[in-house]
C-alpha atoms as a PDB file:
ATOM      1  CA  MET A   1      73.068 135.937 120.957  1.00  0.00           C
ATOM      2  CA  SER A   2      74.434 132.634 122.238  1.00  0.00           C
ATOM      3  CA  LYS A   3      76.772 130.663 120.059  1.00  0.00           C
ATOM      4  CA  ASP A   4      75.176 127.692 118.349  1.00  0.00           C
ATOM      5  CA  LYS A   5      77.108 124.563 119.291  1.00  0.00           C
ATOM      6  CA  ASN A   6      76.619 123.370 115.728  1.00  0.00           C
ATOM      7  CA  GLN A   7      78.557 126.329 114.355  1.00  0.00           C
ATOM      8  CA  PRO A   8      82.114 125.469 113.189  1.00  0.00           C
ATOM      9  CA  THR A   9      85.156 126.034 115.357  1.00  0.00           C
ATOM     10  CA  ARG A  10      86.638 129.519 115.196  1.00  0.00           C
ATOM     11  CA  ARG A  11      88.684 130.360 112.112  1.00  0.00           C
ATOM     12  CA  SER A  12      88.003 126.948 110.568  1.00  0.00           C
ATOM     13  CA  SER A  13      87.737 126.683 106.797  1.00  0.00           C
ATOM     14  CA  HIS A  14      85.778 124.152 104.798  1.00  0.00           C
ATOM     15  CA  VAL A  15      85.242 123.187 101.175  1.00  0.00           C
ATOM     16  CA  GLU A  16      82.880 120.902  99.321  1.00  0.00           C
ATOM     17  CA  MET A  17      84.573 118.781  96.659  1.00  0.00           C
ATOM     18  CA  PRO A  18      84.115 115.229  95.363  1.00  0.00           C
ATOM     19  CA  VAL A  19      85.106 112.529  97.850  1.00  0.00           C
ATOM     20  CA  ALA A  20      84.360 108.798  98.073  1.00  0.00           C
ATOM     21  CA  TYR A  21      82.035 108.952 101.106  1.00  0.00           C
ATOM     22  CA  ALA A  22      78.997 110.770 102.443  1.00  0.00           C
ATOM     23  CA  ALA A  23      78.648 112.856 105.635  1.00  0.00           C
ATOM     24  CA  VAL A  24      81.416 115.295 104.679  1.00  0.00           C
ATOM     25  CA  GLY A  25      82.521 117.238 107.759  1.00  0.00           C
ATOM     26  CA  ALA A  26      81.149 114.696 110.255  1.00  0.00           C
ATOM     27  CA  SER A  27      84.577 114.356 111.906  1.00  0.00           C
ATOM     28  CA  LYS A  28      83.731 117.645 113.669  1.00  0.00           C
ATOM     29  CA  SER A  29      80.741 116.139 115.451  1.00  0.00           C
ATOM     30  CA  PRO A  30      81.187 115.889 119.242  1.00  0.00           C
ATOM     31  CA  ASP A  31      78.952 112.772 119.156  1.00  0.00           C
ATOM     32  CA  LEU A  32      80.918 111.036 116.415  1.00  0.00           C
ATOM     33  CA  LEU A  33      81.877 108.018 118.530  1.00  0.00           C
ATOM     34  CA  ARG A  34      78.281 107.447 119.650  1.00  0.00           C
ATOM     35  CA  PHE A  35      76.530 108.338 116.427  1.00  0.00           C
ATOM     36  CA  PRO A  36      78.869 107.777 113.469  1.00  0.00           C
ATOM     37  CA  PRO A  37      77.705 107.939 109.855  1.00  0.00           C
ATOM     38  CA  GLU A  38      75.738 104.821 108.994  1.00  0.00           C
ATOM     39  CA  GLY A  39      77.881 101.811 108.181  1.00  0.00           C
ATOM     40  CA  SER A  40      81.154 103.376 109.333  1.00  0.00           C
ATOM     41  CA  THR A  41      83.592 102.583 112.140  1.00  0.00           C
ATOM     42  CA  PRO A  42      84.425 105.628 114.287  1.00  0.00           C
ATOM     43  CA  TYR A  43      87.671 105.932 116.212  1.00  0.00           C
ATOM     44  CA  GLU A  44      89.665 108.301 118.363  1.00  0.00           C
ATOM     45  CA  GLU A  45      93.374 108.123 119.181  1.00  0.00           C
ATOM     46  CA  GLU A  46      95.502 110.479 121.248  1.00  0.00           C
ATOM     47  CA  LEU A  47      99.162 110.711 122.181  1.00  0.00           C
ATOM     48  CA  ARG A  48     100.731 113.039 124.717  1.00  0.00           C
ATOM     49  CA  LEU A  49     103.626 114.960 123.180  1.00  0.00           C
ATOM     50  CA  GLY A  50     104.810 116.929 126.215  1.00  0.00           C
ATOM     51  CA  SER A  51     103.790 120.283 127.604  1.00  0.00           C
ATOM     52  CA  GLY A  52     104.157 124.020 127.092  1.00  0.00           C
ATOM     53  CA  GLN A  53     103.543 126.592 124.401  1.00  0.00           C
ATOM     54  CA  ASP A  54     106.771 125.833 122.557  1.00  0.00           C
ATOM     55  CA  ARG A  55     105.870 122.157 122.229  1.00  0.00           C
ATOM     56  CA  PHE A  56     102.411 123.113 120.960  1.00  0.00           C
ATOM     57  CA  LEU A  57     103.826 125.462 118.332  1.00  0.00           C
ATOM     58  CA  LEU A  58     106.458 122.983 117.169  1.00  0.00           C
ATOM     59  CA  ALA A  59     104.002 120.094 116.923  1.00  0.00           C
ATOM     60  CA  SER A  60     101.418 122.259 115.172  1.00  0.00           C
ATOM     61  CA  SER A  61     103.946 123.418 112.602  1.00  0.00           C
ATOM     62  CA  LEU A  62     105.020 119.837 111.968  1.00  0.00           C
ATOM     63  CA  LEU A  63     101.470 118.578 111.616  1.00  0.00           C
ATOM     64  CA  MET A  64     100.356 121.358 109.285  1.00  0.00           C
ATOM     65  CA  THR A  65     103.205 120.706 106.832  1.00  0.00           C
ATOM     66  CA  TRP A  66     102.561 116.955 106.345  1.00  0.00           C
ATOM     67  CA  GLY A  67     105.002 116.074 109.153  1.00  0.00           C
ATOM     68  CA  ALA A  68     102.894 113.247 110.592  1.00  0.00           C
ATOM     69  CA  GLN A  69     102.675 111.540 107.222  1.00  0.00           C
ATOM     70  CA  ARG A  70     106.256 112.070 106.094  1.00  0.00           C
ATOM     71  CA  GLY A  71     107.570 111.186 109.543  1.00  0.00           C
ATOM     72  CA  SER A  72     105.791 107.830 109.404  1.00  0.00           C
ATOM     73  CA  GLY A  73     107.358 106.985 106.060  1.00  0.00           C
ATOM     74  CA  VAL A  74     104.488 108.046 103.798  1.00  0.00           C
ATOM     75  CA  ARG A  75     105.461 109.866 100.606  1.00  0.00           C
ATOM     76  CA  VAL A  76     103.281 112.877  99.917  1.00  0.00           C
ATOM     77  CA  GLU A  77     103.156 113.615  96.196  1.00  0.00           C
ATOM     78  CA  ASP A  78     101.057 115.399  93.567  1.00  0.00           C
ATOM     79  CA  VAL A  79     100.179 118.153  96.044  1.00  0.00           C
ATOM     80  CA  VAL A  80      97.808 120.731  94.554  1.00  0.00           C
ATOM     81  CA  ARG A  81      97.284 123.585  96.962  1.00  0.00           C
ATOM     82  CA  GLY A  82      93.698 124.657  97.595  1.00  0.00           C
ATOM     83  CA  SER A  83      92.419 128.191  97.857  1.00  0.00           C
ATOM     84  CA  GLY A  84      91.274 127.841 101.460  1.00  0.00           C
ATOM     85  CA  GLU A  85      88.743 130.592 100.762  1.00  0.00           C
ATOM     86  CA  HIS A  86      85.556 128.777 101.712  1.00  0.00           C
ATOM     87  CA  TYR A  87      84.222 128.902 105.239  1.00  0.00           C
ATOM     88  CA  SER A  88      81.884 126.367 106.821  1.00  0.00           C
ATOM     89  CA  GLY A  89      78.835 128.151 108.167  1.00  0.00           C
ATOM     90  CA  VAL A  90      77.969 131.790 108.660  1.00  0.00           C
ATOM     91  CA  SER A  91      79.321 134.133 111.348  1.00  0.00           C
ATOM     92  CA  PHE A  92      77.234 136.885 112.931  1.00  0.00           C
ATOM     93  CA  ASP A  93      77.966 140.229 114.566  1.00  0.00           C
ATOM     94  CA  GLU A  94      76.554 141.380 117.920  1.00  0.00           C
ATOM     95  CA  ASP A  95      73.340 142.502 116.232  1.00  0.00           C
ATOM     96  CA  GLY A  96      72.802 139.121 114.606  1.00  0.00           C
ATOM     97  CA  GLN A  97      73.734 140.267 111.126  1.00  0.00           C
ATOM     98  CA  PRO A  98      75.546 137.745 108.895  1.00  0.00           C
ATOM     99  CA  GLN A  99      79.155 138.637 108.138  1.00  0.00           C
ATOM    100  CA  ALA A 100      81.266 137.799 105.109  1.00  0.00           C
ATOM    101  CA  ALA A 101      84.144 135.436 105.765  1.00  0.00           C
ATOM    102  CA  GLY A 102      87.520 137.117 106.059  1.00  0.00           C
ATOM    103  CA  GLU A 103      90.630 136.143 104.195  1.00  0.00           C
ATOM    104  CA  VAL A 104      92.402 132.983 105.326  1.00  0.00           C
ATOM    105  CA  GLU A 105      95.502 133.835 107.340  1.00  0.00           C
ATOM    106  CA  GLU A 106      98.650 132.266 105.893  1.00  0.00           C
ATOM    107  CA  HIS A 107     101.059 130.370 108.141  1.00  0.00           C
ATOM    108  CA  PHE A 108     104.414 128.809 107.298  1.00  0.00           C
ATOM    109  CA  GLY A 109     106.609 126.119 108.821  1.00  0.00           C
ATOM    110  CA  PRO A 110     110.273 126.611 109.852  1.00  0.00           C
ATOM    111  CA  GLU A 111     111.450 125.661 106.352  1.00  0.00           C
ATOM    112  CA  GLY A 112     109.071 128.119 104.701  1.00  0.00           C
ATOM    113  CA  GLU A 113     106.570 125.477 103.646  1.00  0.00           C
ATOM    114  CA  PRO A 114     103.006 126.869 103.739  1.00  0.00           C
ATOM    115  CA  TYR A 115     100.504 125.316 106.100  1.00  0.00           C
ATOM    116  CA  LEU A 116      97.808 123.092 104.658  1.00  0.00           C
ATOM    117  CA  VAL A 117      94.613 124.828 103.586  1.00  0.00           C
ATOM    118  CA  ALA A 118      91.168 123.554 102.697  1.00  0.00           C
ATOM    119  CA  GLY A 119      90.832 122.312  99.137  1.00  0.00           C
ATOM    120  CA  THR A 120      94.382 120.952  98.912  1.00  0.00           C
ATOM    121  CA  THR A 121      94.683 117.556  97.253  1.00  0.00           C
ATOM    122  CA  ALA A 122      97.536 115.063  97.468  1.00  0.00           C
ATOM    123  CA  THR A 123      98.473 111.449  96.830  1.00  0.00           C
ATOM    124  CA  LEU A 124      99.800 109.437  99.767  1.00  0.00           C
ATOM    125  CA  HIS A 125     102.163 106.535  99.094  1.00  0.00           C
ATOM    126  CA  ALA A 126     102.648 104.133 102.007  1.00  0.00           C
ATOM    127  CA  GLU A 127     105.059 101.226 101.535  1.00  0.00           C
ATOM    128  CA  GLY A 128     103.316  98.064 100.361  1.00  0.00           C
ATOM    129  CA  GLN A 129      99.952  99.775  99.824  1.00  0.00           C
ATOM    130  CA  ASP A 130      98.078 101.290  96.930  1.00  0.00           C
ATOM    131  CA  PRO A 131      98.413 105.097  96.615  1.00  0.00           C
ATOM    132  CA  ARG A 132      95.549 107.039  98.216  1.00  0.00           C
ATOM    133  CA  SER A 133      94.149 110.328  96.976  1.00  0.00           C
ATOM    134  CA  VAL A 134      92.974 112.707  99.706  1.00  0.00           C
ATOM    135  CA  LEU A 135      91.338 116.120  99.910  1.00  0.00           C
ATOM    136  CA  ILE A 136      91.776 118.537 102.821  1.00  0.00           C
ATOM    137  CA  ILE A 137      88.149 119.135 103.852  1.00  0.00           C
ATOM    138  CA  TYR A 138      88.738 121.756 106.562  1.00  0.00           C
ATOM    139  CA  THR A 139      91.419 123.166 108.813  1.00  0.00           C
ATOM    140  CA  VAL A 140      91.386 124.203 112.477  1.00  0.00           C
ATOM    141  CA  ASP A 141      93.292 127.316 113.544  1.00  0.00           C
ATOM    142  CA  GLU A 142      92.556 128.220 117.154  1.00  0.00           C
ATOM    143  CA  GLU A 143      94.604 129.557 120.044  1.00  0.00           C
ATOM    144  CA  ARG A 144      94.968 126.096 121.588  1.00  0.00           C
ATOM    145  CA  ARG A 145      94.067 123.790 118.691  1.00  0.00           C
ATOM    146  CA  ALA A 146      95.524 123.395 115.216  1.00  0.00           C
ATOM    147  CA  GLY A 147      94.937 120.733 112.623  1.00  0.00           C
ATOM    148  CA  PHE A 148      93.188 119.521 109.496  1.00  0.00           C
ATOM    149  CA  ALA A 149      90.816 116.854 108.255  1.00  0.00           C
ATOM    150  CA  TRP A 150      91.119 114.992 105.027  1.00  0.00           C
ATOM    151  CA  GLY A 151      88.643 112.888 103.113  1.00  0.00           C
ATOM    152  CA  THR A 152      89.447 109.966 100.839  1.00  0.00           C
ATOM    153  CA  ARG A 153      88.842 110.573  97.144  1.00  0.00           C
ATOM    154  CA  ASP A 154      89.217 106.965  95.982  1.00  0.00           C
ATOM    155  CA  GLU A 155      88.147 103.482  97.082  1.00  0.00           C
ATOM    156  CA  ALA A 156      91.574 101.829  97.133  1.00  0.00           C
ATOM    157  CA  GLY A 157      91.084 100.863 100.792  1.00  0.00           C
ATOM    158  CA  ALA A 158      89.062 102.135 103.722  1.00  0.00           C
ATOM    159  CA  VAL A 159      87.160 105.322 102.901  1.00  0.00           C
ATOM    160  CA  GLY A 160      86.055 108.142 105.154  1.00  0.00           C
ATOM    161  CA  GLU A 161      87.211 111.278 106.912  1.00  0.00           C
ATOM    162  CA  GLN A 162      90.091 111.700 109.358  1.00  0.00           C
ATOM    163  CA  LEU A 163      90.894 114.668 111.597  1.00  0.00           C
ATOM    164  CA  PHE A 164      94.407 115.272 112.965  1.00  0.00           C
ATOM    165  CA  VAL A 165      94.790 118.015 115.566  1.00  0.00           C
ATOM    166  CA  ILE A 166      97.286 119.284 118.147  1.00  0.00           C
ATOM    167  CA  GLU A 167      95.716 120.380 121.444  1.00  0.00           C
ATOM    168  CA  HIS A 168      97.275 122.561 124.158  1.00  0.00           C
ATOM    169  CA  ARG A 169      95.106 121.684 127.135  1.00  0.00           C
ATOM    170  CA  GLU A 170      94.293 123.671 130.254  1.00  0.00           C
ATOM    171  CA  ASP A 171      96.808 121.682 132.333  1.00  0.00           C
ATOM    172  CA  ASP A 172      99.538 122.833 129.888  1.00  0.00           C
ATOM    173  CA  THR A 173      99.947 119.359 128.362  1.00  0.00           C
ATOM    174  CA  VAL A 174     100.139 118.999 124.581  1.00  0.00           C
ATOM    175  CA  TRP A 175      98.396 116.133 122.803  1.00  0.00           C
ATOM    176  CA  ALA A 176      98.172 114.851 119.251  1.00  0.00           C
ATOM    177  CA  VAL A 177      94.635 113.666 118.585  1.00  0.00           C
ATOM    178  CA  ALA A 178      93.143 111.816 115.627  1.00  0.00           C
ATOM    179  CA  ARG A 179      89.480 110.991 115.179  1.00  0.00           C
ATOM    180  CA  GLY A 180      87.307 110.054 112.279  1.00  0.00           C
ATOM    181  CA  PHE A 181      85.133 107.435 110.648  1.00  0.00           C
ATOM    182  CA  LEU A 182      86.008 104.769 108.111  1.00  0.00           C
ATOM    183  CA  SER A 183      84.213 102.110 106.139  1.00  0.00           C
ATOM    184  CA  ALA A 184      85.162  99.438 103.648  1.00  0.00           C
ATOM    185  CA  PRO A 185      83.170  97.168 101.317  1.00  0.00           C
ATOM    186  CA  LYS A 186      82.447  93.892 103.085  1.00  0.00           C
ATOM    187  CA  GLY A 187      83.363  91.719 100.102  1.00  0.00           C
ATOM    188  CA  GLY A 188      85.284  88.472 100.235  1.00  0.00           C
ATOM    189  CA  LEU A 189      85.156  85.600 102.709  1.00  0.00           C
ATOM    190  CA  LEU A 190      83.593  86.803 106.003  1.00  0.00           C
ATOM    191  CA  GLY A 191      84.469  90.378 105.100  1.00  0.00           C
ATOM    192  CA  LEU A 192      88.172  89.745 105.729  1.00  0.00           C
ATOM    193  CA  LYS A 193      89.317  92.336 103.200  1.00  0.00           C
ATOM    194  CA  ALA A 194      87.196  95.015 104.862  1.00  0.00           C
ATOM    195  CA  ARG A 195      88.648  94.113 108.256  1.00  0.00           C
ATOM    196  CA  SER A 196      92.153  94.257 106.823  1.00  0.00           C
ATOM    197  CA  ASP A 197      91.565  97.621 105.168  1.00  0.00           C
ATOM    198  CA  LEU A 198      90.207  99.115 108.386  1.00  0.00           C
ATOM    199  CA  ARG A 199      93.054  97.705 110.452  1.00  0.00           C
ATOM    200  CA  THR A 200      95.598  99.096 108.013  1.00  0.00           C
ATOM    201  CA  ALA A 201      94.025 102.551 108.175  1.00  0.00           C
ATOM    202  CA  LEU A 202      93.866 102.563 111.987  1.00  0.00           C
ATOM    203  CA  ASP A 203      97.462 101.367 112.287  1.00  0.00           C
ATOM    204  CA  ALA A 204      98.482 104.211 109.971  1.00  0.00           C
ATOM    205  CA  VAL A 205      96.799 106.709 112.296  1.00  0.00           C
ATOM    206  CA  LYS A 206      98.872 105.463 115.237  1.00  0.00           C
ATOM    207  CA  THR A 207     102.158 105.649 113.371  1.00  0.00           C
ATOM    208  CA  GLN A 208     101.376 109.140 112.099  1.00  0.00           C
ATOM    209  CA  LEU A 209     100.657 110.389 115.618  1.00  0.00           C
ATOM    210  CA  ALA A 210     103.863 108.749 116.850  1.00  0.00           C
ATOM    211  CA  ALA A 211     105.812 110.648 114.187  1.00  0.00           C
ATOM    212  CA  LEU A 212     104.872 113.882 115.965  1.00  0.00           C
ATOM    213  CA  ALA A 213     106.420 112.812 119.267  1.00  0.00           C
ATOM    214  CA  PRO A 214     109.640 114.502 120.455  1.00  0.00           C
ATOM    215  CA  GLY A 215     112.680 112.620 119.168  1.00  0.00           C
ATOM    216  CA  ALA A 216     110.845 110.772 116.398  1.00  0.00           C
ATOM    217  CA  VAL A 217     113.086 110.239 113.364  1.00  0.00           C
ATOM    218  CA  ALA A 218     111.449 110.910 110.005  1.00  0.00           C
ATOM    219  CA  GLY A 219     110.502 107.761 108.134  1.00  0.00           C
ATOM    220  CA  THR A 220     111.511 105.340 110.881  1.00  0.00           C
ATOM    221  CA  VAL A 221     108.459 105.230 113.156  1.00  0.00           C
ATOM    222  CA  PRO A 222     107.438 101.554 113.417  1.00  0.00           C
ATOM    223  CA  PRO A 223     103.796 100.377 113.284  1.00  0.00           C
ATOM    224  CA  GLY A 224     102.149 100.511 116.695  1.00  0.00           C
ATOM    225  CA  ALA A 225     104.702 102.988 118.036  1.00  0.00           C
ATOM    226  CA  ALA A 226     101.937 105.172 119.414  1.00  0.00           C
ATOM    227  CA  ASP A 227     101.077 102.362 121.857  1.00  0.00           C
ATOM    228  CA  ALA A 228     104.546 102.266 123.342  1.00  0.00           C
ATOM    229  CA  ASP A 229     105.292 104.021 126.609  1.00  0.00           C
ATOM    230  CA  GLY A 230     108.050 106.575 126.405  1.00  0.00           C
ATOM    231  CA  PRO A 231     109.337 109.740 128.076  1.00  0.00           C
ATOM    232  CA  GLY A 232     106.620 112.390 127.963  1.00  0.00           C
ATOM    233  CA  ALA A 233     104.397 110.392 125.626  1.00  0.00           C
ATOM    234  CA  ASP A 234     101.154 108.703 126.647  1.00  0.00           C
ATOM    235  CA  SER A 235      98.662 107.145 124.289  1.00  0.00           C
ATOM    236  CA  GLY A 236      95.065 106.102 124.340  1.00  0.00           C
ATOM    237  CA  THR A 237      92.443 104.696 122.036  1.00  0.00           C
ATOM    238  CA  THR A 238      88.706 104.856 121.771  1.00  0.00           C
ATOM    239  CA  ASP A 239      87.238 102.717 118.989  1.00  0.00           C
ATOM    240  CA  THR A 240      83.542 101.870 119.042  1.00  0.00           C
ATOM    241  CA  GLY A 241      83.697  99.710 115.922  1.00  0.00           C
ATOM    242  CA  THR A 242      83.685  95.929 116.105  1.00  0.00           C
ATOM    243  CA  ASP A 243      84.821  95.095 112.580  1.00  0.00           C
ATOM    244  CA  THR A 244      88.482  95.608 113.373  1.00  0.00           C
ATOM    245  CA  GLY A 245      88.665  93.874 116.731  1.00  0.00           C
ATOM    246  CA  GLU A 246      90.261  96.992 118.214  1.00  0.00           C
ATOM    247  CA  ASP A 247      90.634  96.955 122.026  1.00  0.00           C
ATOM    248  CA  ALA A 248      89.008  99.983 123.638  1.00  0.00           C
ATOM    249  CA  GLU A 249      91.205 102.111 125.851  1.00  0.00           C
ATOM    250  CA  HIS A 250      90.986 105.821 126.514  1.00  0.00           C
ATOM    251  CA  SER A 251      93.582 108.080 128.088  1.00  0.00           C
ATOM    252  CA  ALA A 252      91.791 110.684 130.183  1.00  0.00           C
END
């Protein structure tokens, strides 16, 4: 039988736990930018990291051990590792019979730190901002794609779901990609706080992608670094929201 395009990506895990937004898992939707959850601002950012299998493996390992966050100066604390046992959707054999999900395969970074798994919770501390509590909603473990999505568990800023993934594309290039949807209460004069919260969250995405670039020094990536041209690194943005005033640019 043909594969349903709505089925989850191969070897992806997913959990349902309390978060501060609806539409859990919507960051997987291929139509996210056109049809985001009601009231949210969708976005997509990407940064070229280089090319080749080695670059893909190195970047994937970094991403899956909080490297994007720590490299951008964010402290990751209060980590409670999830079980990673739950699987989004049902798989079928050749006869159309539902199959039980297999055990989640464990991976480890160069320093022995285990890769993120679904159900993991953590508190992120960015300088000058309130701490944010996040939950790893699902992970992606494919031959040419690796990553995770988190959801916000509090309302101390913009809320929503954000996917970070490393892609090894058919032309052998390696890209860091982030996509998701965010919203913020439109309180205050002209909704200025909501605009500020969204801008802060989108700027954080750029700096976290930049932290994955070759030569990035942990904790020293400046805001907006993902927009800068550099050897082997290209960036692009697609943002269909208007609340933040984000310029739309997409790197093909």
